[in-house]
Amino acid sequence: MTYTGETVTLIRESPGGFDAYGDPLPSTSTEIPVTDVKVAPRTSSTDGTGEPTERGNEGVVIGWALYAPPGTVAYYTDTVRVRGVVCRVEGEIADWPMGVVINCTRA
């Protein structure tokens, strides 16, 4: 069986800057769809208070590991919409010959 992957959306904010009169300009948001992304759950090994869960209990899903196709351009400042949930990128983006790995956590 082959898993084709999902479409996720990178959301990139650009600061607005200032106009010729020194007045602030609004920032803009660009949405970039990325197709064929493999989505795997990331779990926490704590109970939310920082205490480890009891042995045998499974962790809580806190976000996803996204395996994007090679050439995907993502930044740690981006946010990502996965399955309708907006997430923040956690840590650095891993760029490998086989693709790009993005770890994200629910915002």
PDB file of N, CA and C in Angstrom:
ATOM      1  N   MET A   1       0.846  -1.176   0.000  1.00  0.00           N
ATOM      2  CA  MET A   1       0.000   0.000   0.000  1.00  0.00           C
ATOM      3  C   MET A   1       0.896   1.245   0.000  1.00  0.00           C
ATOM      4  N   THR A   2       0.535   2.218  -0.790  1.00  0.00           N
ATOM      5  CA  THR A   2       1.305   3.446  -0.897  1.00  0.00           C
ATOM      6  C   THR A   2       0.522   4.602  -0.280  1.00  0.00           C
ATOM      7  N   TYR A   3       1.212   5.379   0.516  1.00  0.00           N
ATOM      8  CA  TYR A   3       0.605   6.553   1.152  1.00  0.00           C
ATOM      9  C   TYR A   3       0.990   7.772   0.334  1.00  0.00           C
ATOM     10  N   THR A   4       0.006   8.423  -0.288  1.00  0.00           N
ATOM     11  CA  THR A   4       0.307   9.545  -1.169  1.00  0.00           C
ATOM     12  C   THR A   4       0.601  10.853  -0.467  1.00  0.00           C
ATOM     13  N   GLY A   5       0.209  11.014   0.735  1.00  0.00           N
ATOM     14  CA  GLY A   5       0.491  12.273   1.420  1.00  0.00           C
ATOM     15  C   GLY A   5      -0.666  13.245   1.353  1.00  0.00           C
ATOM     16  N   GLU A   6      -0.514  14.330   2.060  1.00  0.00           N
ATOM     17  CA  GLU A   6      -1.566  15.341   2.192  1.00  0.00           C
ATOM     18  C   GLU A   6      -1.052  16.693   1.728  1.00  0.00           C
ATOM     19  N   THR A   7      -1.959  17.635   1.615  1.00  0.00           N
ATOM     20  CA  THR A   7      -1.585  19.020   1.324  1.00  0.00           C
ATOM     21  C   THR A   7      -1.635  19.801   2.628  1.00  0.00           C
ATOM     22  N   VAL A   8      -0.526  20.453   2.965  1.00  0.00           N
ATOM     23  CA  VAL A   8      -0.471  21.351   4.116  1.00  0.00           C
ATOM     24  C   VAL A   8      -0.187  22.748   3.584  1.00  0.00           C
ATOM     25  N   THR A   9      -0.429  23.749   4.403  1.00  0.00           N
ATOM     26  CA  THR A   9      -0.239  25.131   3.977  1.00  0.00           C
ATOM     27  C   THR A   9       0.764  25.829   4.868  1.00  0.00           C
ATOM     28  N   LEU A  10       1.837  26.340   4.259  1.00  0.00           N
ATOM     29  CA  LEU A  10       2.789  27.186   4.979  1.00  0.00           C
ATOM     30  C   LEU A  10       2.223  28.597   4.993  1.00  0.00           C
ATOM     31  N   ILE A  11       2.243  29.245   6.126  1.00  0.00           N
ATOM     32  CA  ILE A  11       1.751  30.619   6.251  1.00  0.00           C
ATOM     33  C   ILE A  11       2.943  31.492   6.608  1.00  0.00           C
ATOM     34  N   ARG A  12       3.280  32.389   5.698  1.00  0.00           N
ATOM     35  CA  ARG A  12       4.471  33.228   5.861  1.00  0.00           C
ATOM     36  C   ARG A  12       4.045  34.681   6.038  1.00  0.00           C
ATOM     37  N   GLU A  13       4.428  35.270   7.174  1.00  0.00           N
ATOM     38  CA  GLU A  13       4.124  36.672   7.472  1.00  0.00           C
ATOM     39  C   GLU A  13       5.267  37.552   6.989  1.00  0.00           C
ATOM     40  N   SER A  14       4.922  38.664   6.359  1.00  0.00           N
ATOM     41  CA  SER A  14       5.921  39.651   5.926  1.00  0.00           C
ATOM     42  C   SER A  14       5.593  40.971   6.599  1.00  0.00           C
ATOM     43  N   PRO A  15       6.574  41.583   7.270  1.00  0.00           N
ATOM     44  CA  PRO A  15       6.295  42.862   7.937  1.00  0.00           C
ATOM     45  C   PRO A  15       5.960  43.932   6.918  1.00  0.00           C
ATOM     46  N   GLY A  16       5.116  44.853   7.310  1.00  0.00           N
ATOM     47  CA  GLY A  16       4.656  45.886   6.390  1.00  0.00           C
ATOM     48  C   GLY A  16       5.645  47.012   6.161  1.00  0.00           C
ATOM     49  N   GLY A  17       6.406  47.374   7.149  1.00  0.00           N
ATOM     50  CA  GLY A  17       7.344  48.481   6.991  1.00  0.00           C
ATOM     51  C   GLY A  17       6.655  49.829   7.173  1.00  0.00           C
ATOM     52  N   PHE A  18       7.181  50.850   6.472  1.00  0.00           N
ATOM     53  CA  PHE A  18       6.660  52.207   6.605  1.00  0.00           C
ATOM     54  C   PHE A  18       6.507  52.834   5.228  1.00  0.00           C
ATOM     55  N   ASP A  19       5.514  53.711   5.084  1.00  0.00           N
ATOM     56  CA  ASP A  19       5.338  54.399   3.804  1.00  0.00           C
ATOM     57  C   ASP A  19       6.250  55.631   3.743  1.00  0.00           C
ATOM     58  N   ALA A  20       6.121  56.403   2.671  1.00  0.00           N
ATOM     59  CA  ALA A  20       6.990  57.564   2.447  1.00  0.00           C
ATOM     60  C   ALA A  20       6.846  58.633   3.536  1.00  0.00           C
ATOM     61  N   TYR A  21       5.727  58.600   4.272  1.00  0.00           N
ATOM     62  CA  TYR A  21       5.485  59.599   5.314  1.00  0.00           C
ATOM     63  C   TYR A  21       5.838  59.077   6.707  1.00  0.00           C
ATOM     64  N   GLY A  22       6.384  57.853   6.768  1.00  0.00           N
ATOM     65  CA  GLY A  22       6.760  57.268   8.050  1.00  0.00           C
ATOM     66  C   GLY A  22       5.623  56.573   8.778  1.00  0.00           C
ATOM     67  N   ASP A  23       4.467  56.469   8.107  1.00  0.00           N
ATOM     68  CA  ASP A  23       3.343  55.774   8.730  1.00  0.00           C
ATOM     69  C   ASP A  23       3.498  54.265   8.528  1.00  0.00           C
ATOM     70  N   PRO A  24       3.107  53.482   9.531  1.00  0.00           N
ATOM     71  CA  PRO A  24       3.261  52.027   9.403  1.00  0.00           C
ATOM     72  C   PRO A  24       2.330  51.433   8.346  1.00  0.00           C
ATOM     73  N   LEU A  25       2.844  50.458   7.626  1.00  0.00           N
ATOM     74  CA  LEU A  25       2.046  49.713   6.655  1.00  0.00           C
ATOM     75  C   LEU A  25       1.670  48.370   7.277  1.00  0.00           C
ATOM     76  N   PRO A  26       0.504  47.832   6.960  1.00  0.00           N
ATOM     77  CA  PRO A  26       0.116  46.545   7.543  1.00  0.00           C
ATOM     78  C   PRO A  26       0.991  45.409   7.004  1.00  0.00           C
ATOM     79  N   SER A  27       1.163  44.400   7.824  1.00  0.00           N
ATOM     80  CA  SER A  27       1.904  43.233   7.375  1.00  0.00           C
ATOM     81  C   SER A  27       1.022  42.410   6.441  1.00  0.00           C
ATOM     82  N   THR A  28       1.642  41.542   5.666  1.00  0.00           N
ATOM     83  CA  THR A  28       0.899  40.684   4.760  1.00  0.00           C
ATOM     84  C   THR A  28       1.174  39.232   5.109  1.00  0.00           C
ATOM     85  N   SER A  29       0.254  38.392   4.741  1.00  0.00           N
ATOM     86  CA  SER A  29       0.373  36.972   5.001  1.00  0.00           C
ATOM     87  C   SER A  29       0.228  36.240   3.665  1.00  0.00           C
ATOM     88  N   THR A  30       1.180  35.361   3.374  1.00  0.00           N
ATOM     89  CA  THR A  30       1.141  34.580   2.139  1.00  0.00           C
ATOM     90  C   THR A  30       0.939  33.122   2.505  1.00  0.00           C
ATOM     91  N   GLU A  31       0.000  32.469   1.835  1.00  0.00           N
ATOM     92  CA  GLU A  31      -0.250  31.051   2.073  1.00  0.00           C
ATOM     93  C   GLU A  31       0.322  30.248   0.913  1.00  0.00           C
ATOM     94  N   ILE A  32       1.154  29.263   1.246  1.00  0.00           N
ATOM     95  CA  ILE A  32       1.845  28.459   0.251  1.00  0.00           C
ATOM     96  C   ILE A  32       1.436  26.995   0.439  1.00  0.00           C
ATOM     97  N   PRO A  33       0.630  26.437  -0.479  1.00  0.00           N
ATOM     98  CA  PRO A  33       0.265  25.027  -0.341  1.00  0.00           C
ATOM     99  C   PRO A  33       1.439  24.127  -0.721  1.00  0.00           C
ATOM    100  N   VAL A  34       1.625  23.073   0.052  1.00  0.00           N
ATOM    101  CA  VAL A  34       2.668  22.082  -0.229  1.00  0.00           C
ATOM    102  C   VAL A  34       1.963  20.731  -0.338  1.00  0.00           C
ATOM    103  N   THR A  35       2.120  20.069  -1.462  1.00  0.00           N
ATOM    104  CA  THR A  35       1.423  18.800  -1.695  1.00  0.00           C
ATOM    105  C   THR A  35       2.315  17.602  -1.398  1.00  0.00           C
ATOM    106  N   ASP A  36       1.695  16.467  -1.266  1.00  0.00           N
ATOM    107  CA  ASP A  36       2.364  15.182  -1.036  1.00  0.00           C
ATOM    108  C   ASP A  36       3.248  15.193   0.203  1.00  0.00           C
ATOM    109  N   VAL A  37       2.714  15.744   1.294  1.00  0.00           N
ATOM    110  CA  VAL A  37       3.434  15.791   2.567  1.00  0.00           C
ATOM    111  C   VAL A  37       2.973  14.609   3.420  1.00  0.00           C
ATOM    112  N   LYS A  38       3.923  13.834   3.902  1.00  0.00           N
ATOM    113  CA  LYS A  38       3.608  12.742   4.818  1.00  0.00           C
ATOM    114  C   LYS A  38       3.499  13.342   6.212  1.00  0.00           C
ATOM    115  N   VAL A  39       2.417  13.033   6.915  1.00  0.00           N
ATOM    116  CA  VAL A  39       2.135  13.618   8.227  1.00  0.00           C
ATOM    117  C   VAL A  39       2.165  12.512   9.276  1.00  0.00           C
ATOM    118  N   ALA A  40       3.043  12.676  10.276  1.00  0.00           N
ATOM    119  CA  ALA A  40       3.143  11.706  11.361  1.00  0.00           C
ATOM    120  C   ALA A  40       2.914  12.418  12.689  1.00  0.00           C
ATOM    121  N   PRO A  41       2.193  11.807  13.614  1.00  0.00           N
ATOM    122  CA  PRO A  41       1.957  12.452  14.909  1.00  0.00           C
ATOM    123  C   PRO A  41       3.219  12.504  15.750  1.00  0.00           C
ATOM    124  N   ARG A  42       3.341  13.575  16.541  1.00  0.00           N
ATOM    125  CA  ARG A  42       4.403  13.709  17.552  1.00  0.00           C
ATOM    126  C   ARG A  42       3.710  13.658  18.900  1.00  0.00           C
ATOM    127  N   THR A  43       4.274  12.926  19.819  1.00  0.00           N
ATOM    128  CA  THR A  43       3.638  12.787  21.123  1.00  0.00           C
ATOM    129  C   THR A  43       4.523  13.329  22.231  1.00  0.00           C
ATOM    130  N   SER A  44       3.885  13.641  23.341  1.00  0.00           N
ATOM    131  CA  SER A  44       4.582  14.099  24.532  1.00  0.00           C
ATOM    132  C   SER A  44       4.704  12.924  25.486  1.00  0.00           C
ATOM    133  N   SER A  45       5.823  12.841  26.166  1.00  0.00           N
ATOM    134  CA  SER A  45       5.991  11.773  27.153  1.00  0.00           C
ATOM    135  C   SER A  45       5.686  12.269  28.556  1.00  0.00           C
ATOM    136  N   THR A  46       5.084  13.454  28.648  1.00  0.00           N
ATOM    137  CA  THR A  46       4.711  13.986  29.961  1.00  0.00           C
ATOM    138  C   THR A  46       3.202  14.165  30.022  1.00  0.00           C
ATOM    139  N   ASP A  47       2.714  14.429  31.205  1.00  0.00           N
ATOM    140  CA  ASP A  47       1.272  14.566  31.396  1.00  0.00           C
ATOM    141  C   ASP A  47       0.775  16.001  31.268  1.00  0.00           C
ATOM    142  N   GLY A  48       1.618  16.906  30.769  1.00  0.00           N
ATOM    143  CA  GLY A  48       1.214  18.299  30.630  1.00  0.00           C
ATOM    144  C   GLY A  48       1.771  19.173  31.734  1.00  0.00           C
ATOM    145  N   THR A  49       2.156  18.556  32.850  1.00  0.00           N
ATOM    146  CA  THR A  49       2.739  19.314  33.955  1.00  0.00           C
ATOM    147  C   THR A  49       4.249  19.140  33.994  1.00  0.00           C
ATOM    148  N   GLY A  50       4.783  18.380  33.033  1.00  0.00           N
ATOM    149  CA  GLY A  50       6.209  18.126  33.006  1.00  0.00           C
ATOM    150  C   GLY A  50       6.588  16.811  33.660  1.00  0.00           C
ATOM    151  N   GLU A  51       5.605  16.175  34.325  1.00  0.00           N
ATOM    152  CA  GLU A  51       5.879  14.892  34.967  1.00  0.00           C
ATOM    153  C   GLU A  51       5.731  13.761  33.941  1.00  0.00           C
ATOM    154  N   PRO A  52       6.644  12.801  33.971  1.00  0.00           N
ATOM    155  CA  PRO A  52       6.524  11.682  33.032  1.00  0.00           C
ATOM    156  C   PRO A  52       5.237  10.906  33.256  1.00  0.00           C
ATOM    157  N   THR A  53       4.697  10.364  32.183  1.00  0.00           N
ATOM    158  CA  THR A  53       3.500   9.534  32.322  1.00  0.00           C
ATOM    159  C   THR A  53       3.900   8.191  32.907  1.00  0.00           C
ATOM    160  N   GLU A  54       2.920   7.500  33.440  1.00  0.00           N
ATOM    161  CA  GLU A  54       3.201   6.176  33.996  1.00  0.00           C
ATOM    162  C   GLU A  54       3.597   5.228  32.886  1.00  0.00           C
ATOM    163  N   ARG A  55       4.390   4.264  33.238  1.00  0.00           N
ATOM    164  CA  ARG A  55       4.813   3.278  32.261  1.00  0.00           C
ATOM    165  C   ARG A  55       3.586   2.574  31.690  1.00  0.00           C
ATOM    166  N   GLY A  56       3.557   2.435  30.377  1.00  0.00           N
ATOM    167  CA  GLY A  56       2.425   1.776  29.748  1.00  0.00           C
ATOM    168  C   GLY A  56       1.395   2.758  29.195  1.00  0.00           C
ATOM    169  N   ASN A  57       1.400   4.004  29.682  1.00  0.00           N
ATOM    170  CA  ASN A  57       0.478   5.003  29.151  1.00  0.00           C
ATOM    171  C   ASN A  57       1.104   5.663  27.931  1.00  0.00           C
ATOM    172  N   GLU A  58       0.290   5.926  26.937  1.00  0.00           N
ATOM    173  CA  GLU A  58       0.796   6.589  25.746  1.00  0.00           C
ATOM    174  C   GLU A  58       0.755   8.095  25.937  1.00  0.00           C
ATOM    175  N   GLY A  59       1.649   8.791  25.241  1.00  0.00           N
ATOM    176  CA  GLY A  59       1.678  10.245  25.313  1.00  0.00           C
ATOM    177  C   GLY A  59       0.518  10.874  24.566  1.00  0.00           C
ATOM    178  N   VAL A  60       0.397  12.160  24.696  1.00  0.00           N
ATOM    179  CA  VAL A  60      -0.647  12.929  24.043  1.00  0.00           C
ATOM    180  C   VAL A  60      -0.081  13.509  22.756  1.00  0.00           C
ATOM    181  N   VAL A  61      -0.868  13.495  21.680  1.00  0.00           N
ATOM    182  CA  VAL A  61      -0.413  14.078  20.421  1.00  0.00           C
ATOM    183  C   VAL A  61      -0.310  15.589  20.597  1.00  0.00           C
ATOM    184  N   ILE A  62       0.892  16.138  20.401  1.00  0.00           N
ATOM    185  CA  ILE A  62       1.122  17.572  20.585  1.00  0.00           C
ATOM    186  C   ILE A  62       1.372  18.295  19.265  1.00  0.00           C
ATOM    187  N   GLY A  63       1.518  17.549  18.199  1.00  0.00           N
ATOM    188  CA  GLY A  63       1.802  18.156  16.898  1.00  0.00           C
ATOM    189  C   GLY A  63       2.131  17.090  15.885  1.00  0.00           C
ATOM    190  N   TRP A  64       2.806  17.501  14.830  1.00  0.00           N
ATOM    191  CA  TRP A  64       3.114  16.580  13.748  1.00  0.00           C
ATOM    192  C   TRP A  64       4.558  16.733  13.278  1.00  0.00           C
ATOM    193  N   ALA A  65       5.082  15.657  12.733  1.00  0.00           N
ATOM    194  CA  ALA A  65       6.333  15.694  11.975  1.00  0.00           C
ATOM    195  C   ALA A  65       5.902  15.643  10.509  1.00  0.00           C
ATOM    196  N   LEU A  66       6.295  16.641   9.747  1.00  0.00           N
ATOM    197  CA  LEU A  66       5.896  16.743   8.350  1.00  0.00           C
ATOM    198  C   LEU A  66       7.084  16.392   7.464  1.00  0.00           C
ATOM    199  N   TYR A  67       6.884  15.445   6.573  1.00  0.00           N
ATOM    200  CA  TYR A  67       7.923  15.017   5.644  1.00  0.00           C
ATOM    201  C   TYR A  67       7.529  15.540   4.265  1.00  0.00           C
ATOM    202  N   ALA A  68       8.112  16.676   3.895  1.00  0.00           N
ATOM    203  CA  ALA A  68       7.756  17.371   2.654  1.00  0.00           C
ATOM    204  C   ALA A  68       8.711  16.956   1.531  1.00  0.00           C
ATOM    205  N   PRO A  69       8.277  17.143   0.283  1.00  0.00           N
ATOM    206  CA  PRO A  69       9.131  16.771  -0.850  1.00  0.00           C
ATOM    207  C   PRO A  69      10.414  17.603  -0.908  1.00  0.00           C
ATOM    208  N   PRO A  70      11.454  17.085  -1.564  1.00  0.00           N
ATOM    209  CA  PRO A  70      12.689  17.846  -1.742  1.00  0.00           C
ATOM    210  C   PRO A  70      12.403  19.179  -2.422  1.00  0.00           C
ATOM    211  N   GLY A  71      13.137  20.206  -2.033  1.00  0.00           N
ATOM    212  CA  GLY A  71      12.949  21.527  -2.631  1.00  0.00           C
ATOM    213  C   GLY A  71      11.933  22.400  -1.935  1.00  0.00           C
ATOM    214  N   THR A  72      11.235  21.859  -0.946  1.00  0.00           N
ATOM    215  CA  THR A  72      10.272  22.658  -0.188  1.00  0.00           C
ATOM    216  C   THR A  72      11.029  23.712   0.610  1.00  0.00           C
ATOM    217  N   VAL A  73      10.618  24.968   0.474  1.00  0.00           N
ATOM    218  CA  VAL A  73      11.264  26.060   1.202  1.00  0.00           C
ATOM    219  C   VAL A  73      10.379  26.424   2.388  1.00  0.00           C
ATOM    220  N   ALA A  74      10.884  26.175   3.589  1.00  0.00           N
ATOM    221  CA  ALA A  74      10.156  26.496   4.817  1.00  0.00           C
ATOM    222  C   ALA A  74      11.130  27.164   5.774  1.00  0.00           C
ATOM    223  N   TYR A  75      10.603  28.045   6.615  1.00  0.00           N
ATOM    224  CA  TYR A  75      11.407  28.770   7.587  1.00  0.00           C
ATOM    225  C   TYR A  75      10.851  28.536   8.984  1.00  0.00           C
ATOM    226  N   TYR A  76      11.713  28.650   9.989  1.00  0.00           N
ATOM    227  CA  TYR A  76      11.255  28.458  11.371  1.00  0.00           C
ATOM    228  C   TYR A  76      10.264  29.541  11.787  1.00  0.00           C
ATOM    229  N   THR A  77      10.212  30.643  11.050  1.00  0.00           N
ATOM    230  CA  THR A  77       9.273  31.720  11.358  1.00  0.00           C
ATOM    231  C   THR A  77       7.896  31.481  10.740  1.00  0.00           C
ATOM    232  N   ASP A  78       7.769  30.479   9.876  1.00  0.00           N
ATOM    233  CA  ASP A  78       6.476  30.163   9.270  1.00  0.00           C
ATOM    234  C   ASP A  78       5.560  29.502  10.294  1.00  0.00           C
ATOM    235  N   THR A  79       4.269  29.575  10.025  1.00  0.00           N
ATOM    236  CA  THR A  79       3.327  28.707  10.718  1.00  0.00           C
ATOM    237  C   THR A  79       2.790  27.754   9.660  1.00  0.00           C
ATOM    238  N   VAL A  80       2.199  26.659  10.095  1.00  0.00           N
ATOM    239  CA  VAL A  80       1.747  25.626   9.173  1.00  0.00           C
ATOM    240  C   VAL A  80       0.322  25.237   9.523  1.00  0.00           C
ATOM    241  N   ARG A  81      -0.532  25.140   8.503  1.00  0.00           N
ATOM    242  CA  ARG A  81      -1.891  24.635   8.723  1.00  0.00           C
ATOM    243  C   ARG A  81      -1.898  23.161   8.319  1.00  0.00           C
ATOM    244  N   VAL A  82      -2.124  22.290   9.313  1.00  0.00           N
ATOM    245  CA  VAL A  82      -2.147  20.843   9.100  1.00  0.00           C
ATOM    246  C   VAL A  82      -3.510  20.330   9.512  1.00  0.00           C
ATOM    247  N   ARG A  83      -4.227  19.740   8.580  1.00  0.00           N
ATOM    248  CA  ARG A  83      -5.555  19.173   8.873  1.00  0.00           C
ATOM    249  C   ARG A  83      -6.472  20.200   9.538  1.00  0.00           C
ATOM    250  N   GLY A  84      -6.338  21.459   9.107  1.00  0.00           N
ATOM    251  CA  GLY A  84      -7.186  22.531   9.611  1.00  0.00           C
ATOM    252  C   GLY A  84      -6.699  23.171  10.901  1.00  0.00           C
ATOM    253  N   VAL A  85      -5.604  22.685  11.459  1.00  0.00           N
ATOM    254  CA  VAL A  85      -5.070  23.212  12.714  1.00  0.00           C
ATOM    255  C   VAL A  85      -3.818  24.027  12.414  1.00  0.00           C
ATOM    256  N   VAL A  86      -3.750  25.249  12.930  1.00  0.00           N
ATOM    257  CA  VAL A  86      -2.569  26.093  12.736  1.00  0.00           C
ATOM    258  C   VAL A  86      -1.530  25.729  13.786  1.00  0.00           C
ATOM    259  N   CYS A  87      -0.312  25.480  13.306  1.00  0.00           N
ATOM    260  CA  CYS A  87       0.782  25.054  14.179  1.00  0.00           C
ATOM    261  C   CYS A  87       1.977  25.969  13.983  1.00  0.00           C
ATOM    262  N   ARG A  88       2.822  26.039  15.005  1.00  0.00           N
ATOM    263  CA  ARG A  88       4.068  26.787  14.877  1.00  0.00           C
ATOM    264  C   ARG A  88       5.186  25.788  14.632  1.00  0.00           C
ATOM    265  N   VAL A  89       6.167  26.211  13.849  1.00  0.00           N
ATOM    266  CA  VAL A  89       7.321  25.370  13.570  1.00  0.00           C
ATOM    267  C   VAL A  89       8.170  25.296  14.827  1.00  0.00           C
ATOM    268  N   GLU A  90       8.622  24.120  15.153  1.00  0.00           N
ATOM    269  CA  GLU A  90       9.423  23.917  16.358  1.00  0.00           C
ATOM    270  C   GLU A  90      10.822  23.449  15.950  1.00  0.00           C
ATOM    271  N   GLY A  91      11.821  24.217  16.341  1.00  0.00           N
ATOM    272  CA  GLY A  91      13.190  23.855  16.003  1.00  0.00           C
ATOM    273  C   GLY A  91      13.543  24.241  14.573  1.00  0.00           C
ATOM    274  N   GLU A  92      14.644  23.678  14.092  1.00  0.00           N
ATOM    275  CA  GLU A  92      15.116  23.987  12.751  1.00  0.00           C
ATOM    276  C   GLU A  92      14.485  23.059  11.727  1.00  0.00           C
ATOM    277  N   ILE A  93      14.447  23.520  10.499  1.00  0.00           N
ATOM    278  CA  ILE A  93      13.967  22.711   9.387  1.00  0.00           C
ATOM    279  C   ILE A  93      15.116  21.797   8.967  1.00  0.00           C
ATOM    280  N   ALA A  94      14.862  20.506   8.830  1.00  0.00           N
ATOM    281  CA  ALA A  94      15.890  19.557   8.401  1.00  0.00           C
ATOM    282  C   ALA A  94      15.753  19.330   6.897  1.00  0.00           C
ATOM    283  N   ASP A  95      16.774  19.725   6.143  1.00  0.00           N
ATOM    284  CA  ASP A  95      16.760  19.585   4.688  1.00  0.00           C
ATOM    285  C   ASP A  95      17.654  18.411   4.308  1.00  0.00           C
ATOM    286  N   TRP A  96      17.050  17.327   3.834  1.00  0.00           N
ATOM    287  CA  TRP A  96      17.754  16.110   3.476  1.00  0.00           C
ATOM    288  C   TRP A  96      17.611  15.865   1.979  1.00  0.00           C
ATOM    289  N   PRO A  97      18.471  15.047   1.382  1.00  0.00           N
ATOM    290  CA  PRO A  97      18.334  14.741  -0.045  1.00  0.00           C
ATOM    291  C   PRO A  97      16.976  14.126  -0.398  1.00  0.00           C
ATOM    292  N   MET A  98      16.377  13.384   0.538  1.00  0.00           N
ATOM    293  CA  MET A  98      15.092  12.746   0.271  1.00  0.00           C
ATOM    294  C   MET A  98      13.903  13.647   0.588  1.00  0.00           C
ATOM    295  N   GLY A  99      14.136  14.819   1.151  1.00  0.00           N
ATOM    296  CA  GLY A  99      13.041  15.712   1.469  1.00  0.00           C
ATOM    297  C   GLY A  99      13.359  16.648   2.611  1.00  0.00           C
ATOM    298  N   VAL A 100      12.311  17.275   3.120  1.00  0.00           N
ATOM    299  CA  VAL A 100      12.430  18.271   4.177  1.00  0.00           C
ATOM    300  C   VAL A 100      11.571  17.812   5.355  1.00  0.00           C
ATOM    301  N   VAL A 101      12.130  17.883   6.560  1.00  0.00           N
ATOM    302  CA  VAL A 101      11.398  17.487   7.762  1.00  0.00           C
ATOM    303  C   VAL A 101      11.089  18.744   8.571  1.00  0.00           C
ATOM    304  N   ILE A 102       9.811  18.944   8.867  1.00  0.00           N
ATOM    305  CA  ILE A 102       9.348  20.100   9.633  1.00  0.00           C
ATOM    306  C   ILE A 102       8.603  19.572  10.855  1.00  0.00           C
ATOM    307  N   ASN A 103       9.097  19.887  12.044  1.00  0.00           N
ATOM    308  CA  ASN A 103       8.378  19.525  13.267  1.00  0.00           C
ATOM    309  C   ASN A 103       7.522  20.703  13.671  1.00  0.00           C
ATOM    310  N   CYS A 104       6.267  20.448  13.974  1.00  0.00           N
ATOM    311  CA  CYS A 104       5.393  21.549  14.361  1.00  0.00           C
ATOM    312  C   CYS A 104       4.533  21.141  15.547  1.00  0.00           C
ATOM    313  N   THR A 105       4.133  22.166  16.319  1.00  0.00           N
ATOM    314  CA  THR A 105       3.340  21.992  17.515  1.00  0.00           C
ATOM    315  C   THR A 105       2.105  22.864  17.416  1.00  0.00           C
ATOM    316  N   ARG A 106       1.011  22.402  17.932  1.00  0.00           N
ATOM    317  CA  ARG A 106      -0.223  23.197  17.903  1.00  0.00           C
ATOM    318  C   ARG A 106       0.030  24.561  18.521  1.00  0.00           C
ATOM    319  N   ALA A 107      -0.433  25.596  17.824  1.00  0.00           N
ATOM    320  CA  ALA A 107      -0.206  26.966  18.293  1.00  0.00           C
ATOM    321  C   ALA A 107      -1.160  27.333  19.408  1.00  0.00           C
TER     322      ALA A 107
END
